[in-house]
Amino acid sequence: MTPSIKSPSKDESRHDESRPSELMTRSDESVPRTGTFRLPVCDIIEKDDEYIIESEMPGTRQEDVDIHYLHGELTVTGKKCHTHCGPEAVKSRKYRVRQFECHDYSRTFRIGDTIKTDSIRADYQNGVVTVHLPKSEAVKPRKIELSKS
């Protein structure tokens, strides 16, 4: 089974309907938002011996990223909260325009039983989480030799 992106639940799929600031560009309006929750954009790559999932989580720190595997599903979560957008900073400033915000990222992938779960590894670089999912021997391509008659 090729890893696939799990559809968000009904609550996760609701988008914030509040009107964005007139200073925001059209591209800012297209960012998937649900209050303080965002779905990170992802790529799923298949190689002969592994699947690779790359999740973009800009603004997160490595220590704020969690990856969990349970019952055939891999969940990648992250938290973005800068000191200038926390509750204390908001109270102490007079904003003319405020677009920085704290939010959580979360994405779940259906993995199935085609992965060596004890060999899953991940790394983080420049806001991108890369998860390596090694294929089990049963699903790796292999050459079958013909017997001589």
Foldseek 3Di string as FASTA:
>chain_A
DAKDWDDDDPLQQDADPDDADPPDDPVVVPFGHRPQEGEFDWDWDDDLWWIKIKTFAAQFDPVQWDWDDDDQKIKIKGKHDDPCADPVNVVVDDDPDDDDHIHMYMTMIRGPDQFPVVPWDWDDDNRMIMIITTGDPVPRDDDDDDDDD
